[in-house]
Amino acid sequence: MIKILIVEDEPNMRMGLKDNLEFEGYEVDSAEDGEKGLKLIREKQYNLIILDVMMPKMSGFDVCKTIRKEGVQTPVILLTAKGEEIDKVLGLELGADDYVTKPFSLRELLARIKAVLRRGETSINTNTVEAVIGKLTVHFTGYKAYEEGIPVQMSHKEFEILHYLWKKETRLLAGTSFFPPSGVMMKILQHVQLIILL
């Protein structure tokens, strides 16, 4: 099922979007500010992120900029009450895939969601910068790892070796929807740690 994250500080807008997208058959998570949204993005994998621009703690622009720096390539649609061209340009330059100005119709947003999902399918490939290995989520570009949301300490060399082995294994499975057995990858991680200690 396609997973979408909505990051929106207005409760009515957030719940309305969530209800309508779930009605359309999407699996939806939501967050009420940029910091919580960023935390979810780092912990989970989504097919699409819908980001409000004007939010407390961390703006949609800042969230988009941060995840692109960390190597997250999930498509992003920005929502904002601002209609100025400079804001649209800034959002796109920061890595957003589309921009919707409030107020908007649900039909327009759904059409844009479908278009962005068609353009940016997020299936695993050999260039992936994020991997889920059992309970471990690894962000290779940002050199960060989390086990059920809790940071895991790994050295730079461990990340590099694990990324190399992950790419090798996913290449063998290219063209299928099968994910590598988590037990196999956990064994590899244990071997990587032993190699580092030698």
Foldseek 3Di string as FASTA:
>chain_A
DAEEEEEAQDVVVQVVVCVVVVVVPYHYDYHNFLVVSLLVVQQDDHQEYEAEQDGPPAGSLRSLLVVVQLPDLRAYEYEYQDDDPVVQVSSVVSPHPYYDHPPDDPVVVVVVVVVRSVVRPDADALPDQWDCQPQKIARLSNRWIDRNSHTDDDDNQLSVVLSVVLSVVVHVVPPDNDDPHSVVSVVVSVVSVVVVVD
